[in-house]
């Protein structure tokens, strides 16, 4: 589980850097837009089935994530229970980009995200079974 967590940190740090570079190259700014209520509403409209605004906020809010882990009797299981829906959101948004994306670089990026995060979900499900046994 620690190795998976480290892989997620490394992969997503690299992905963030790559996306910022695409944003700079394709849209003139590497700065991300604020994740305010309007942005959350746009994301929910673009990705139906992602859950409520509160569920999305809990997935995107670092403070909510820390509270969930700190309040858990089993941090390993809490991590798994948090990461799987987070990855599912990333897969759903990436599937939208694969179909509707304008730039081939972004579509290819989204395809890589789908593949990698689905594999991590499968690994986490196996670990969850082992922890529950």
N, C-alpha and C. Protein backbone atom coordinates (compact mmCIF):
# COMPACT_ATOMS: atom_id res chain seq x y z
N UNK A 1 0.83 -1.19 0.00
CA UNK A 1 0.00 0.00 0.00
C UNK A 1 0.88 1.26 0.00
N UNK A 2 1.96 1.20 0.76
CA UNK A 2 2.89 2.33 0.78
C UNK A 2 3.49 2.56 -0.61
N UNK A 3 3.85 1.49 -1.28
CA UNK A 3 4.43 1.60 -2.62
C UNK A 3 3.41 2.20 -3.59
N UNK A 4 2.15 1.78 -3.49
CA UNK A 4 1.11 2.35 -4.35
C UNK A 4 0.95 3.84 -4.06
N UNK A 5 0.94 4.20 -2.77
CA UNK A 5 0.81 5.61 -2.41
C UNK A 5 1.97 6.43 -2.98
N UNK A 6 3.18 5.90 -2.88
CA UNK A 6 4.35 6.60 -3.43
C UNK A 6 4.24 6.72 -4.94
N UNK A 7 3.78 5.66 -5.60
CA UNK A 7 3.60 5.70 -7.05
C UNK A 7 2.56 6.76 -7.44
N UNK A 8 1.48 6.84 -6.66
CA UNK A 8 0.44 7.83 -6.94
C UNK A 8 1.02 9.24 -6.80
N UNK A 9 1.77 9.48 -5.74
CA UNK A 9 2.39 10.80 -5.54
C UNK A 9 3.28 11.15 -6.73
N UNK A 10 4.15 10.23 -7.12
CA UNK A 10 5.07 10.48 -8.23
C UNK A 10 4.33 10.68 -9.55
N UNK A 11 3.38 9.80 -9.83
CA UNK A 11 2.66 9.88 -11.10
C UNK A 11 1.84 11.15 -11.18
N UNK A 12 1.11 11.45 -10.10
CA UNK A 12 0.23 12.62 -10.18
C UNK A 12 1.02 13.92 -10.13
N UNK A 13 2.17 13.95 -9.47
CA UNK A 13 3.01 15.14 -9.52
C UNK A 13 3.49 15.39 -10.94
N UNK A 14 3.89 14.32 -11.60
CA UNK A 14 4.32 14.42 -13.00
C UNK A 14 3.16 14.83 -13.91
N UNK A 15 1.98 14.25 -13.66
CA UNK A 15 0.80 14.59 -14.46
C UNK A 15 0.41 16.05 -14.29
N UNK A 16 0.50 16.56 -13.07
CA UNK A 16 0.18 17.97 -12.82
C UNK A 16 1.14 18.87 -13.59
N UNK A 17 2.41 18.53 -13.55
CA UNK A 17 3.41 19.30 -14.29
C UNK A 17 3.10 19.27 -15.79
N UNK A 18 2.78 18.09 -16.30
CA UNK A 18 2.46 17.94 -17.72
C UNK A 18 1.23 18.75 -18.09
N UNK A 19 0.19 18.69 -17.27
CA UNK A 19 -1.03 19.45 -17.57
C UNK A 19 -0.79 20.95 -17.51
N UNK A 20 0.00 21.40 -16.55
CA UNK A 20 0.33 22.84 -16.49
C UNK A 20 1.07 23.27 -17.75
N UNK A 21 1.95 22.41 -18.23
CA UNK A 21 2.69 22.74 -19.46
C UNK A 21 1.74 22.82 -20.65
N UNK A 22 0.80 21.87 -20.76
CA UNK A 22 -0.20 21.94 -21.83
C UNK A 22 -1.03 23.21 -21.70
N UNK A 23 -1.40 23.55 -20.47
CA UNK A 23 -2.20 24.76 -20.26
C UNK A 23 -1.43 25.99 -20.72
N UNK A 24 -0.15 26.03 -20.42
CA UNK A 24 0.69 27.15 -20.84
C UNK A 24 0.82 27.18 -22.36
N UNK A 25 1.15 26.04 -22.97
CA UNK A 25 1.35 25.97 -24.42
C UNK A 25 0.06 26.24 -25.20
N UNK A 26 -1.04 25.67 -24.74
CA UNK A 26 -2.28 25.73 -25.52
C UNK A 26 -3.17 26.92 -25.16
N UNK A 27 -3.03 27.43 -23.94
CA UNK A 27 -3.95 28.47 -23.49
C UNK A 27 -3.25 29.71 -22.92
N UNK A 28 -1.91 29.71 -22.94
CA UNK A 28 -1.18 30.91 -22.56
C UNK A 28 -0.92 31.11 -21.09
N UNK A 29 -1.35 30.20 -20.23
CA UNK A 29 -1.11 30.36 -18.80
C UNK A 29 -1.00 28.98 -18.16
N UNK A 30 0.02 28.82 -17.32
CA UNK A 30 0.18 27.58 -16.59
C UNK A 30 -0.55 27.58 -15.26
N UNK A 31 -1.15 28.72 -14.91
CA UNK A 31 -1.86 28.82 -13.63
C UNK A 31 -3.23 28.17 -13.72
N UNK A 32 -3.58 27.44 -12.68
CA UNK A 32 -4.88 26.78 -12.65
C UNK A 32 -5.97 27.76 -12.24
N UNK A 33 -7.17 27.50 -12.68
CA UNK A 33 -8.30 28.31 -12.29
C UNK A 33 -8.70 27.96 -10.86
N UNK A 34 -9.25 28.91 -10.13
CA UNK A 34 -9.66 28.59 -8.75
C UNK A 34 -10.78 27.56 -8.73
N UNK A 35 -10.73 26.68 -7.77
CA UNK A 35 -11.75 25.63 -7.65
C UNK A 35 -12.87 26.17 -6.76
N UNK A 36 -13.61 27.12 -7.33
CA UNK A 36 -14.71 27.72 -6.59
C UNK A 36 -16.03 27.02 -6.93
N UNK A 37 -17.12 27.53 -6.39
CA UNK A 37 -18.42 26.88 -6.59
C UNK A 37 -18.79 26.84 -8.07
N UNK A 38 -18.50 27.91 -8.80
CA UNK A 38 -18.80 27.93 -10.24
C UNK A 38 -18.02 26.85 -10.98
N UNK A 39 -16.75 26.70 -10.66
CA UNK A 39 -15.92 25.67 -11.30
C UNK A 39 -16.44 24.28 -10.97
N UNK A 40 -16.82 24.07 -9.71
CA UNK A 40 -17.36 22.77 -9.30
C UNK A 40 -18.64 22.46 -10.07
N UNK A 41 -19.51 23.46 -10.25
CA UNK A 41 -20.75 23.26 -11.00
C UNK A 41 -20.45 22.90 -12.45
N UNK A 42 -19.46 23.57 -13.04
CA UNK A 42 -19.07 23.25 -14.43
C UNK A 42 -18.54 21.82 -14.52
N UNK A 43 -17.74 21.41 -13.54
CA UNK A 43 -17.19 20.06 -13.55
C UNK A 43 -18.31 19.04 -13.42
N UNK A 44 -19.27 19.30 -12.55
CA UNK A 44 -20.38 18.37 -12.37
C UNK A 44 -21.23 18.27 -13.63
N UNK A 45 -21.42 19.39 -14.32
CA UNK A 45 -22.19 19.37 -15.56
C UNK A 45 -21.45 18.59 -16.65
N UNK A 46 -20.13 18.72 -16.67
CA UNK A 46 -19.33 18.03 -17.68
C UNK A 46 -19.18 16.54 -17.39
N UNK A 47 -19.35 16.16 -16.11
CA UNK A 47 -19.13 14.78 -15.70
C UNK A 47 -20.33 14.28 -14.90
N UNK A 48 -21.45 14.02 -15.56
CA UNK A 48 -22.60 13.52 -14.81
C UNK A 48 -22.29 12.20 -14.13
N UNK A 49 -22.94 11.98 -13.01
CA UNK A 49 -22.72 10.73 -12.28
C UNK A 49 -21.55 10.79 -11.32
N UNK A 50 -20.99 11.97 -11.11
CA UNK A 50 -19.82 12.09 -10.24
C UNK A 50 -20.20 12.28 -8.77
N UNK A 51 -21.48 12.29 -8.47
CA UNK A 51 -21.90 12.47 -7.09
C UNK A 51 -22.31 13.92 -6.84
N UNK A 52 -22.60 14.18 -5.59
CA UNK A 52 -23.06 15.52 -5.21
C UNK A 52 -21.88 16.49 -5.13
N UNK A 53 -22.21 17.76 -5.02
CA UNK A 53 -21.20 18.79 -4.85
C UNK A 53 -20.38 18.51 -3.58
N UNK A 54 -21.05 18.06 -2.52
CA UNK A 54 -20.35 17.77 -1.28
C UNK A 54 -19.38 16.60 -1.44
N UNK A 55 -19.80 15.57 -2.19
CA UNK A 55 -18.93 14.41 -2.42
C UNK A 55 -17.70 14.81 -3.24
N UNK A 56 -17.93 15.63 -4.26
CA UNK A 56 -16.80 16.09 -5.07
C UNK A 56 -15.87 16.95 -4.24
N UNK A 57 -16.44 17.84 -3.42
CA UNK A 57 -15.62 18.70 -2.58
C UNK A 57 -14.78 17.88 -1.62
N UNK A 58 -15.37 16.84 -1.03
CA UNK A 58 -14.63 15.99 -0.11
C UNK A 58 -13.45 15.31 -0.81
N UNK A 59 -13.64 14.97 -2.08
CA UNK A 59 -12.56 14.34 -2.84
C UNK A 59 -11.46 15.33 -3.20
N UNK A 60 -11.81 16.61 -3.36
CA UNK A 60 -10.86 17.61 -3.83
C UNK A 60 -10.28 18.46 -2.70
N UNK A 61 -10.84 18.38 -1.52
CA UNK A 61 -10.48 19.26 -0.42
C UNK A 61 -9.45 18.59 0.48
N UNK A 62 -8.22 19.12 0.52
CA UNK A 62 -7.17 18.50 1.34
C UNK A 62 -7.52 18.42 2.82
N UNK A 63 -8.18 19.45 3.35
CA UNK A 63 -8.54 19.44 4.77
C UNK A 63 -9.53 18.31 5.07
N UNK A 64 -10.50 18.12 4.17
CA UNK A 64 -11.47 17.04 4.35
C UNK A 64 -10.78 15.68 4.29
N UNK A 65 -9.79 15.57 3.44
CA UNK A 65 -9.06 14.31 3.33
C UNK A 65 -8.29 14.01 4.62
N UNK A 66 -7.63 15.01 5.17
CA UNK A 66 -6.88 14.82 6.41
C UNK A 66 -7.82 14.44 7.54
N UNK A 67 -8.97 15.12 7.63
CA UNK A 67 -9.95 14.78 8.67
C UNK A 67 -10.41 13.33 8.54
N UNK A 68 -10.63 12.88 7.32
CA UNK A 68 -11.08 11.50 7.10
C UNK A 68 -10.03 10.50 7.56
N UNK A 69 -8.77 10.76 7.26
CA UNK A 69 -7.71 9.83 7.67
C UNK A 69 -7.48 9.87 9.17
N UNK A 70 -7.43 11.08 9.73
CA UNK A 70 -7.16 11.22 11.17
C UNK A 70 -8.27 10.63 12.02
N UNK A 71 -9.49 10.69 11.53
CA UNK A 71 -10.61 10.18 12.30
C UNK A 71 -10.88 8.70 12.10
N UNK A 72 -10.06 8.04 11.32
CA UNK A 72 -10.29 6.64 10.99
C UNK A 72 -9.60 5.70 11.96
N UNK A 73 -10.27 4.58 12.23
CA UNK A 73 -9.65 3.52 13.04
C UNK A 73 -8.62 2.74 12.23
N UNK A 74 -8.75 2.75 10.90
CA UNK A 74 -7.84 2.02 10.03
C UNK A 74 -7.42 2.93 8.89
N UNK A 75 -6.28 3.64 9.05
CA UNK A 75 -5.85 4.58 8.01
C UNK A 75 -5.61 3.93 6.65
N UNK A 76 -5.17 2.67 6.64
CA UNK A 76 -4.96 1.98 5.36
C UNK A 76 -6.28 1.84 4.61
N UNK A 77 -7.28 1.37 5.31
CA UNK A 77 -8.59 1.22 4.68
C UNK A 77 -9.18 2.58 4.30
N UNK A 78 -8.99 3.59 5.15
CA UNK A 78 -9.46 4.94 4.83
C UNK A 78 -8.80 5.46 3.56
N UNK A 79 -7.51 5.19 3.41
CA UNK A 79 -6.80 5.59 2.21
C UNK A 79 -7.41 4.94 0.98
N UNK A 80 -7.62 3.64 1.06
CA UNK A 80 -8.20 2.91 -0.07
C UNK A 80 -9.59 3.44 -0.39
N UNK A 81 -10.40 3.63 0.65
CA UNK A 81 -11.77 4.12 0.46
C UNK A 81 -11.80 5.52 -0.12
N UNK A 82 -10.76 6.28 0.09
CA UNK A 82 -10.68 7.63 -0.48
C UNK A 82 -10.13 7.61 -1.91
N UNK A 83 -9.10 6.83 -2.13
CA UNK A 83 -8.42 6.86 -3.43
C UNK A 83 -9.28 6.26 -4.54
N UNK A 84 -9.99 5.20 -4.25
CA UNK A 84 -10.78 4.56 -5.31
C UNK A 84 -11.80 5.53 -5.92
N UNK A 85 -12.63 6.21 -5.12
CA UNK A 85 -13.57 7.16 -5.74
C UNK A 85 -12.85 8.32 -6.44
N UNK A 86 -11.71 8.74 -5.88
CA UNK A 86 -10.93 9.81 -6.51
C UNK A 86 -10.46 9.36 -7.89
N UNK A 87 -9.96 8.15 -7.97
CA UNK A 87 -9.53 7.61 -9.26
C UNK A 87 -10.73 7.43 -10.20
N UNK A 88 -11.85 7.00 -9.67
CA UNK A 88 -13.05 6.85 -10.51
C UNK A 88 -13.47 8.18 -11.10
N UNK A 89 -13.35 9.26 -10.31
CA UNK A 89 -13.64 10.60 -10.84
C UNK A 89 -12.67 10.96 -11.96
N UNK A 90 -11.39 10.65 -11.76
CA UNK A 90 -10.40 10.96 -12.78
C UNK A 90 -10.66 10.17 -14.06
N UNK A 91 -11.07 8.92 -13.90
CA UNK A 91 -11.39 8.09 -15.07
C UNK A 91 -12.60 8.66 -15.80
N UNK A 92 -13.64 9.02 -15.06
CA UNK A 92 -14.85 9.57 -15.69
C UNK A 92 -14.55 10.87 -16.42
N UNK A 93 -13.78 11.77 -15.80
CA UNK A 93 -13.46 13.02 -16.49
C UNK A 93 -12.56 12.75 -17.70
N UNK A 94 -11.65 11.79 -17.57
CA UNK A 94 -10.77 11.45 -18.69
C UNK A 94 -11.55 10.83 -19.84
N UNK A 95 -12.56 10.02 -19.54
CA UNK A 95 -13.39 9.44 -20.60
C UNK A 95 -14.13 10.54 -21.37
N UNK A 96 -14.56 11.58 -20.66
CA UNK A 96 -15.20 12.72 -21.32
C UNK A 96 -14.22 13.40 -22.26
N UNK A 97 -12.98 13.57 -21.80
CA UNK A 97 -11.96 14.23 -22.63
C UNK A 97 -11.62 13.39 -23.85
N UNK A 98 -11.54 12.08 -23.69
CA UNK A 98 -11.22 11.21 -24.82
C UNK A 98 -12.26 11.39 -25.93
N UNK A 99 -13.52 11.54 -25.55
CA UNK A 99 -14.60 11.68 -26.52
C UNK A 99 -14.72 13.11 -27.04
N UNK A 100 -14.60 14.09 -26.15
CA UNK A 100 -14.91 15.47 -26.51
C UNK A 100 -13.70 16.39 -26.62
N UNK A 101 -12.53 15.90 -26.27
CA UNK A 101 -11.34 16.75 -26.25
C UNK A 101 -10.98 17.29 -27.63
N UNK A 102 -10.42 18.48 -27.63
CA UNK A 102 -10.04 19.16 -28.86
C UNK A 102 -8.60 18.81 -29.26
N UNK A 103 -7.71 18.83 -28.28
CA UNK A 103 -6.28 18.65 -28.55
C UNK A 103 -5.87 17.19 -28.38
N UNK A 104 -5.20 16.66 -29.38
CA UNK A 104 -4.80 15.24 -29.34
C UNK A 104 -3.88 14.95 -28.17
N UNK A 105 -3.06 15.93 -27.75
CA UNK A 105 -2.16 15.71 -26.62
C UNK A 105 -2.95 15.46 -25.34
N UNK A 106 -4.02 16.21 -25.18
CA UNK A 106 -4.85 16.08 -23.98
C UNK A 106 -5.63 14.77 -24.03
N UNK A 107 -6.12 14.40 -25.20
CA UNK A 107 -6.82 13.11 -25.32
C UNK A 107 -5.88 11.96 -25.00
N UNK A 108 -4.66 12.01 -25.50
CA UNK A 108 -3.68 10.95 -25.21
C UNK A 108 -3.35 10.91 -23.72
N UNK A 109 -3.22 12.07 -23.11
CA UNK A 109 -2.99 12.14 -21.68
C UNK A 109 -4.14 11.46 -20.93
N UNK A 110 -5.37 11.79 -21.33
CA UNK A 110 -6.56 11.21 -20.68
C UNK A 110 -6.59 9.70 -20.83
N UNK A 111 -6.19 9.18 -21.98
CA UNK A 111 -6.15 7.73 -22.17
C UNK A 111 -5.15 7.08 -21.22
N UNK A 112 -3.99 7.73 -21.02
CA UNK A 112 -3.00 7.21 -20.08
C UNK A 112 -3.54 7.21 -18.65
N UNK A 113 -4.27 8.26 -18.29
CA UNK A 113 -4.85 8.35 -16.95
C UNK A 113 -5.83 7.20 -16.74
N UNK A 114 -6.69 6.96 -17.71
CA UNK A 114 -7.68 5.88 -17.60
C UNK A 114 -6.98 4.55 -17.36
N UNK A 115 -5.98 4.25 -18.16
CA UNK A 115 -5.27 2.98 -18.04
C UNK A 115 -4.58 2.84 -16.68
N UNK A 116 -3.83 3.86 -16.29
CA UNK A 116 -3.05 3.79 -15.05
C UNK A 116 -3.94 3.74 -13.81
N UNK A 117 -4.96 4.57 -13.80
CA UNK A 117 -5.77 4.63 -12.59
C UNK A 117 -6.70 3.43 -12.46
N UNK A 118 -7.12 2.86 -13.58
CA UNK A 118 -7.90 1.63 -13.50
C UNK A 118 -7.05 0.50 -12.93
N UNK A 119 -5.79 0.43 -13.35
CA UNK A 119 -4.89 -0.59 -12.81
C UNK A 119 -4.68 -0.39 -11.30
N UNK A 120 -4.54 0.87 -10.87
CA UNK A 120 -4.37 1.13 -9.44
C UNK A 120 -5.63 0.76 -8.66
N UNK A 121 -6.80 1.03 -9.22
CA UNK A 121 -8.05 0.64 -8.56
C UNK A 121 -8.09 -0.87 -8.37
N UNK A 122 -7.71 -1.62 -9.38
CA UNK A 122 -7.70 -3.08 -9.28
C UNK A 122 -6.74 -3.54 -8.18
N UNK A 123 -5.56 -2.93 -8.11
CA UNK A 123 -4.61 -3.27 -7.05
C UNK A 123 -5.18 -2.94 -5.67
N UNK A 124 -5.79 -1.77 -5.55
CA UNK A 124 -6.36 -1.35 -4.27
C UNK A 124 -7.51 -2.25 -3.84
N UNK A 125 -8.32 -2.68 -4.79
CA UNK A 125 -9.42 -3.61 -4.46
C UNK A 125 -8.86 -4.92 -3.92
N UNK A 126 -7.77 -5.40 -4.47
CA UNK A 126 -7.15 -6.64 -3.98
C UNK A 126 -6.60 -6.45 -2.56
N UNK A 127 -5.96 -5.33 -2.32
CA UNK A 127 -5.44 -5.05 -0.98
C UNK A 127 -6.59 -4.92 0.00
N UNK A 128 -7.66 -4.27 -0.43
CA UNK A 128 -8.83 -4.10 0.44
C UNK A 128 -9.40 -5.47 0.82
N UNK A 129 -9.45 -6.39 -0.13
CA UNK A 129 -9.92 -7.75 0.18
C UNK A 129 -9.02 -8.40 1.22
N UNK A 130 -7.70 -8.24 1.05
CA UNK A 130 -6.76 -8.83 1.99
C UNK A 130 -6.91 -8.21 3.39
N UNK A 131 -7.10 -6.90 3.45
CA UNK A 131 -7.26 -6.24 4.74
C UNK A 131 -8.56 -6.66 5.43
N UNK A 132 -9.57 -6.92 4.65
CA UNK A 132 -10.87 -7.28 5.19
C UNK A 132 -10.94 -8.74 5.61
N UNK A 133 -10.00 -9.55 5.11
CA UNK A 133 -10.03 -11.00 5.40
C UNK A 133 -9.56 -11.29 6.81
